[in-house]
């Protein structure tokens, strides 16, 4: 009798597993939603829409983009974290919500380490960009200007805890300056106030800053790479300005809810890599000063761990917290 019951239980288990396996094999068979955890108009939003447009052609299903900004990406990340792990709700984010936000917020309703990594889409270095009429014309003058006006030289960020915010904190630590932080809800409003002269600086990503710099609407004092950028050969690195080993970049990535099945992850990862490797896409990203990343989910996991360590050190050293 016990053997008979065991056989029945085993058969029941197989029947339960079979539909799930079939669903994974058929994935996707309906529209996919990607939640961008920042407002429209910034780098994460732009890249996600570019990738999604080509991704839906490969997957054969519409991809819907929903912007859900707030709390440095926490609100959008929470929505994806709680979603069904079926591959139909994905997260497009900057580093903060999947790396350091638990170090910044006293209360957070998700565990970034449990997100399922899919792929990093692109990476881009940051810059030290200032308003066009700021008296300081180079990094040394900017440092001197900040030291002579402690707590008065303002800088915009894309929000508390974002890479632009933490890059500025790292700059303060490296130079012994004290700046005034003015957080915004994303890139676009921060850029508007920088151009309008309402804030003095923005430790912003290269693509947006380059266009402002070339148009004379703002001025890039330095890039945060180890070597100069070919498009801006006359702009020095912060390392050249004396800030040894100062490197800051940002990236945007696609993640899935915890426990998303491996076959779905593999299909999404392969499709995203195909999109990023396409010559048309490579050319488009290059024109935006972006570098495609791609690679395996394991590579994304390594990037997330490295950034969590780097920015975690900055946060702990400066005792940065957000209510």
Protein backbone atom coordinates (compact mmCIF):
# COMPACT_ATOMS: atom_id res chain seq x y z
CA UNK A 1 0.00 0.00 0.00
CA UNK A 2 2.77 2.42 0.92
CA UNK A 3 4.48 1.73 -2.40
CA UNK A 4 1.22 2.47 -4.20
CA UNK A 5 0.82 5.77 -2.34
CA UNK A 6 4.41 6.71 -3.14
CA UNK A 7 3.77 6.14 -6.83
CA UNK A 8 0.65 8.29 -6.68
CA UNK A 9 2.56 11.08 -4.92
CA UNK A 10 5.35 10.92 -7.51
CA UNK A 11 2.84 11.07 -10.35
CA UNK A 12 1.16 14.06 -8.73
CA UNK A 13 4.49 15.84 -8.47
CA UNK A 14 5.23 15.22 -12.13
CA UNK A 15 1.82 16.57 -13.11
CA UNK A 16 2.47 19.71 -11.07
CA UNK A 17 5.94 20.26 -12.57
CA UNK A 18 4.88 19.62 -16.16
CA UNK A 19 2.72 22.77 -16.60
CA UNK A 20 5.46 24.97 -15.12
CA UNK A 21 8.04 23.48 -17.46
CA UNK A 22 5.71 23.98 -20.40
CA UNK A 23 5.11 27.62 -19.45
CA UNK A 24 8.85 28.23 -19.26
CA UNK A 25 9.38 26.61 -22.66
CA UNK A 26 6.64 28.76 -24.20
CA UNK A 27 7.92 31.96 -22.59
CA UNK A 28 7.04 34.61 -23.51
CA UNK A 29 3.47 34.19 -24.70
CA UNK A 30 2.08 37.53 -23.53
CA UNK A 31 3.32 41.13 -23.05
CA UNK A 32 6.27 41.81 -20.72
CA UNK A 33 6.36 44.82 -18.42
CA UNK A 34 9.63 46.53 -17.54
CA UNK A 35 9.41 48.86 -14.56
CA UNK A 36 11.97 51.66 -14.80
CA UNK A 37 12.54 52.80 -11.23
CA UNK A 38 13.29 56.40 -12.24
CA UNK A 39 11.21 59.12 -13.93
CA UNK A 40 11.22 59.44 -17.74
CA UNK A 41 14.00 61.29 -19.52
CA UNK A 42 17.14 60.01 -17.80
CA UNK A 43 19.79 57.56 -18.93
CA UNK A 44 18.17 54.43 -17.49
CA UNK A 45 14.85 55.27 -19.12
CA UNK A 46 16.43 56.08 -22.50
CA UNK A 47 18.55 52.93 -22.68
CA UNK A 48 15.70 50.70 -21.48
CA UNK A 49 13.41 52.01 -24.21
CA UNK A 50 16.09 51.49 -26.86
CA UNK A 51 16.75 47.94 -25.72
CA UNK A 52 13.06 47.13 -25.23
CA UNK A 53 12.18 48.26 -28.74
CA UNK A 54 14.58 45.73 -30.24
CA UNK A 55 13.99 43.10 -27.58
CA UNK A 56 10.31 42.78 -28.35
CA UNK A 57 11.15 42.00 -31.98
CA UNK A 58 13.30 39.08 -30.85
CA UNK A 59 10.90 37.78 -28.24
CA UNK A 60 7.80 38.26 -30.36
CA UNK A 61 5.79 39.98 -27.61
CA UNK A 62 5.09 43.64 -26.78
CA UNK A 63 7.18 45.18 -24.02
CA UNK A 64 5.50 47.81 -21.89
CA UNK A 65 7.64 50.40 -20.09
CA UNK A 66 6.30 51.76 -16.81
CA UNK A 67 8.16 54.50 -14.95
CA UNK A 68 7.84 54.17 -11.19
CA UNK A 69 10.32 56.58 -9.61
CA UNK A 70 10.91 57.63 -6.02
CA UNK A 71 13.22 56.89 -3.08
CA UNK A 72 16.30 56.35 -5.25
CA UNK A 73 14.55 53.56 -7.10
CA UNK A 74 13.10 51.79 -4.07
CA UNK A 75 9.47 52.18 -5.10
CA UNK A 76 9.96 50.57 -8.50
CA UNK A 77 12.24 47.90 -7.07
CA UNK A 78 9.67 47.00 -4.40
CA UNK A 79 7.01 46.50 -7.08
CA UNK A 80 9.21 44.08 -9.04
CA UNK A 81 10.45 42.29 -5.94
CA UNK A 82 6.86 41.42 -5.01
CA UNK A 83 5.86 40.41 -8.55
CA UNK A 84 5.38 36.83 -9.72
CA UNK A 85 8.74 35.30 -10.78
CA UNK A 86 7.42 34.41 -14.22
CA UNK A 87 9.49 36.74 -16.41
CA UNK A 88 6.59 39.08 -17.17
CA UNK A 89 7.61 41.83 -14.72
CA UNK A 90 11.20 43.05 -14.85
CA UNK A 91 13.19 45.87 -13.26
CA UNK A 92 15.35 48.38 -15.12
CA UNK A 93 17.51 50.26 -12.62
CA UNK A 94 20.59 52.26 -11.84
CA UNK A 95 22.94 50.69 -9.25
CA UNK A 96 21.39 52.14 -6.06
CA UNK A 97 18.26 50.00 -5.56
CA UNK A 98 20.09 46.73 -6.20
CA UNK A 99 23.32 47.59 -4.38
CA UNK A 100 23.53 50.13 -1.56
CA UNK A 101 20.02 51.30 -0.67
CA UNK A 102 19.82 48.99 2.38
CA UNK A 103 22.80 50.90 3.77
CA UNK A 104 21.06 54.23 3.19
CA UNK A 105 17.46 53.61 4.24
CA UNK A 106 16.51 52.55 7.74
CA UNK A 107 13.43 50.79 6.43
CA UNK A 108 13.33 48.92 3.14
CA UNK A 109 10.80 46.27 2.14
CA UNK A 110 12.93 44.21 -0.20
CA UNK A 111 16.31 42.49 -0.22
CA UNK A 112 18.42 43.59 -3.22
CA UNK A 113 20.62 40.50 -2.95
CA UNK A 114 17.62 38.31 -3.79
CA UNK A 115 16.86 39.89 -7.17
CA UNK A 116 17.63 37.61 -10.08
CA UNK A 117 20.30 39.23 -12.29
CA UNK A 118 19.59 39.21 -16.03
CA UNK A 119 22.14 41.56 -17.62
CA UNK A 120 23.82 44.94 -17.34
CA UNK A 121 22.82 46.88 -20.45
CA UNK A 122 25.30 49.75 -20.59
CA UNK A 123 27.88 51.57 -18.54
CA UNK A 124 29.07 55.17 -18.68
CA UNK A 125 31.58 57.25 -16.72
CA UNK A 126 30.57 60.24 -14.64
CA UNK A 127 31.79 63.81 -14.84
CA UNK A 128 32.26 66.90 -12.70
CA UNK A 129 29.96 69.32 -14.53
CA UNK A 130 29.33 72.88 -13.37
CA UNK A 131 27.02 75.69 -14.43
CA UNK A 132 28.32 77.66 -17.40
CA UNK A 133 29.02 80.87 -15.45
CA UNK A 134 30.69 79.35 -12.39
CA UNK A 135 33.90 81.28 -11.65
CA UNK A 136 35.97 78.09 -11.28
CA UNK A 137 37.44 77.05 -14.65
CA UNK A 138 39.18 73.82 -13.62
CA UNK A 139 39.13 71.23 -10.85
CA UNK A 140 41.75 72.96 -8.70
CA UNK A 141 39.83 76.24 -8.88
CA UNK A 142 36.57 74.43 -8.11
CA UNK A 143 38.11 72.85 -5.00
CA UNK A 144 39.47 76.22 -3.88
CA UNK A 145 36.10 77.86 -4.57
CA UNK A 146 34.30 75.19 -2.51
CA UNK A 147 36.76 75.52 0.37
CA UNK A 148 36.31 79.29 0.45
CA UNK A 149 32.52 78.84 0.47
CA UNK A 150 31.98 75.84 2.78
CA UNK A 151 28.48 74.44 2.62
CA UNK A 152 27.39 77.00 0.05
CA UNK A 153 28.47 75.47 -3.27
CA UNK A 154 25.49 73.38 -4.31
CA UNK A 155 25.33 70.21 -6.35
CA UNK A 156 22.37 68.43 -7.89
CA UNK A 157 21.82 64.71 -7.80
CA UNK A 158 19.32 62.29 -9.30
CA UNK A 159 18.14 61.59 -5.77
CA UNK A 160 19.47 60.57 -2.37
CA UNK A 161 21.72 57.55 -2.61
CA UNK A 162 22.11 57.60 -6.38
CA UNK A 163 25.52 57.34 -8.00
CA UNK A 164 25.56 61.09 -8.70
CA UNK A 165 25.01 61.74 -5.00
CA UNK A 166 27.62 59.24 -3.81
CA UNK A 167 30.17 60.46 -6.38
CA UNK A 168 29.83 63.94 -4.89
CA UNK A 169 30.25 62.50 -1.38
CA UNK A 170 33.38 60.68 -2.54
CA UNK A 171 34.62 63.96 -4.04
CA UNK A 172 34.06 65.71 -0.69
CA UNK A 173 35.99 62.96 1.10
CA UNK A 174 38.88 63.17 -1.38
CA UNK A 175 39.16 66.97 -1.36
CA UNK A 176 38.17 67.94 2.18
CA UNK A 177 35.33 70.11 0.91
CA UNK A 178 31.76 70.49 2.16
CA UNK A 179 29.14 70.94 -0.54
CA UNK A 180 25.39 71.54 -0.39
CA UNK A 181 23.34 68.59 -1.68
CA UNK A 182 20.17 69.34 -3.66
CA UNK A 183 18.45 66.04 -4.57
CA UNK A 184 16.03 65.79 -7.49
CA UNK A 185 13.70 63.09 -8.76
CA UNK A 186 15.82 62.00 -11.73
CA UNK A 187 18.21 63.51 -14.27
CA UNK A 188 15.96 65.84 -16.26
CA UNK A 189 14.94 68.24 -13.44
CA UNK A 190 18.51 68.31 -12.13
CA UNK A 191 19.82 69.25 -15.58
CA UNK A 192 17.19 71.98 -15.95
CA UNK A 193 18.26 73.62 -12.70
CA UNK A 194 21.95 73.31 -13.57
CA UNK A 195 21.36 75.06 -16.90
CA UNK A 196 19.23 77.65 -15.13
CA UNK A 197 22.02 78.40 -12.67
CA UNK A 198 19.99 77.28 -9.65
CA UNK A 199 22.67 74.75 -8.66
CA UNK A 200 26.42 74.99 -9.12
CA UNK A 201 27.43 71.47 -10.07
CA UNK A 202 26.22 68.02 -11.05
CA UNK A 203 28.35 64.86 -10.83
CA UNK A 204 26.47 63.54 -13.81
CA UNK A 205 26.95 60.79 -16.39
CA UNK A 206 28.96 61.58 -19.52
CA UNK A 207 26.27 61.43 -22.22
CA UNK A 208 24.06 64.23 -20.92
CA UNK A 209 26.96 66.33 -19.68
CA UNK A 210 28.79 66.13 -23.02
CA UNK A 211 25.85 67.60 -24.93
CA UNK A 212 25.52 70.42 -22.38
CA UNK A 213 29.27 71.04 -22.53
CA UNK A 214 29.36 71.21 -26.33
CA UNK A 215 26.34 73.52 -26.39
CA UNK A 216 27.90 75.86 -23.83
CA UNK A 217 25.02 75.30 -21.41
CA UNK A 218 27.32 73.83 -18.74
CA UNK A 219 31.02 73.03 -18.41
CA UNK A 220 32.73 69.72 -17.73
CA UNK A 221 35.73 70.23 -15.47
CA UNK A 222 36.81 66.59 -15.36
CA UNK A 223 35.82 63.02 -16.14
CA UNK A 224 35.90 60.28 -13.53
CA UNK A 225 37.70 57.68 -15.63
CA UNK A 226 41.31 56.53 -15.35
CA UNK A 227 42.03 57.89 -18.85
CA UNK A 228 40.72 60.82 -20.88
CA UNK A 229 37.65 60.38 -23.07
CA UNK A 230 38.37 60.50 -26.83
CA UNK A 231 35.34 62.74 -27.47
CA UNK A 232 36.65 65.25 -24.91
CA UNK A 233 40.43 65.19 -25.37
CA UNK A 234 40.94 68.54 -23.62
CA UNK A 235 39.04 67.54 -20.46
CA UNK A 236 41.31 66.03 -17.79
CA UNK A 237 40.53 63.17 -15.46
CA UNK A 238 40.13 63.73 -11.73
CA UNK A 239 43.19 61.55 -11.29
CA UNK A 240 45.21 64.03 -13.37
CA UNK A 241 43.89 66.76 -11.09
CA UNK A 242 45.48 64.99 -8.14
CA UNK A 243 42.66 62.76 -6.89
CA UNK A 244 44.53 59.48 -7.10
CA UNK A 245 42.45 56.40 -7.96
CA UNK A 246 39.21 58.40 -8.20
CA UNK A 247 36.94 56.39 -10.50
CA UNK A 248 33.16 56.61 -10.75
CA UNK A 249 30.86 55.18 -13.35
CA UNK A 250 27.24 54.22 -13.53
CA UNK A 251 25.32 51.51 -15.29
CA UNK A 252 21.82 50.31 -15.89
CA UNK A 253 20.65 46.75 -15.62
CA UNK A 254 17.72 44.41 -16.00
CA UNK A 255 16.75 42.29 -12.99
CA UNK A 256 13.90 39.88 -12.32
CA UNK A 257 12.03 38.97 -9.12
CA UNK A 258 13.60 36.43 -6.76
CA UNK A 259 13.35 32.78 -7.81
CA UNK A 260 12.75 33.50 -11.50
CA UNK A 261 13.33 30.15 -13.26
CA UNK A 262 16.70 29.62 -14.93
CA UNK A 263 15.25 28.88 -18.41
CA UNK A 264 13.47 32.26 -18.43
CA UNK A 265 16.61 34.03 -17.22
CA UNK A 266 18.66 32.35 -19.93
CA UNK A 267 16.19 33.31 -22.67
CA UNK A 268 16.06 36.96 -21.55
CA UNK A 269 19.83 37.15 -21.15
CA UNK A 270 20.47 35.68 -24.61
CA UNK A 271 17.99 38.06 -26.24
CA UNK A 272 19.45 41.13 -24.49
CA UNK A 273 22.95 40.13 -25.54
CA UNK A 274 21.80 39.77 -29.14
CA UNK A 275 20.30 43.26 -28.99
CA UNK A 276 23.44 44.80 -27.49
CA UNK A 277 25.76 43.10 -30.00
CA UNK A 278 23.84 44.25 -33.08
CA UNK A 279 25.96 46.72 -35.13
CA UNK A 280 23.05 49.17 -35.33
CA UNK A 281 22.72 49.17 -31.55
CA UNK A 282 26.46 49.46 -31.00
CA UNK A 283 26.54 52.51 -33.28
CA UNK A 284 23.54 54.07 -31.56
CA UNK A 285 24.99 53.59 -28.09
CA UNK A 286 28.37 54.93 -29.18
CA UNK A 287 26.72 58.12 -30.42
CA UNK A 288 25.30 58.50 -26.91
CA UNK A 289 28.74 57.93 -25.32
CA UNK A 290 27.51 54.64 -23.83
CA UNK A 291 29.31 51.32 -23.74
CA UNK A 292 27.35 48.10 -24.10
CA UNK A 293 28.09 45.53 -21.41
CA UNK A 294 25.94 42.40 -21.65
CA UNK A 295 27.51 39.10 -20.70
CA UNK A 296 26.14 36.44 -18.38
CA UNK A 297 23.90 36.89 -15.34
CA UNK A 298 26.95 35.85 -13.31
CA UNK A 299 28.86 38.81 -14.72
CA UNK A 300 26.08 41.14 -13.64
CA UNK A 301 26.17 39.60 -10.17
CA UNK A 302 29.91 40.33 -9.98
CA UNK A 303 29.38 43.96 -11.04
CA UNK A 304 26.66 44.37 -8.42
CA UNK A 305 28.89 42.94 -5.69
CA UNK A 306 31.83 45.19 -6.65
CA UNK A 307 29.69 48.33 -6.67
CA UNK A 308 28.05 47.40 -3.38
CA UNK A 309 31.52 47.21 -1.84
CA UNK A 310 32.82 50.44 -3.44
CA UNK A 311 29.87 52.64 -2.62
CA UNK A 312 29.28 50.90 0.68
CA UNK A 313 32.72 52.07 1.79
CA UNK A 314 31.82 55.66 0.81
CA UNK A 315 28.49 55.50 2.64
CA UNK A 316 29.96 54.09 5.83
CA UNK A 317 32.89 56.52 5.85
CA UNK A 318 30.58 59.53 5.48
CA UNK A 319 27.79 58.02 7.60
CA UNK A 320 25.28 58.74 4.83
CA UNK A 321 21.72 57.80 5.81
CA UNK A 322 18.29 58.55 4.41
CA UNK A 323 15.11 58.59 6.49
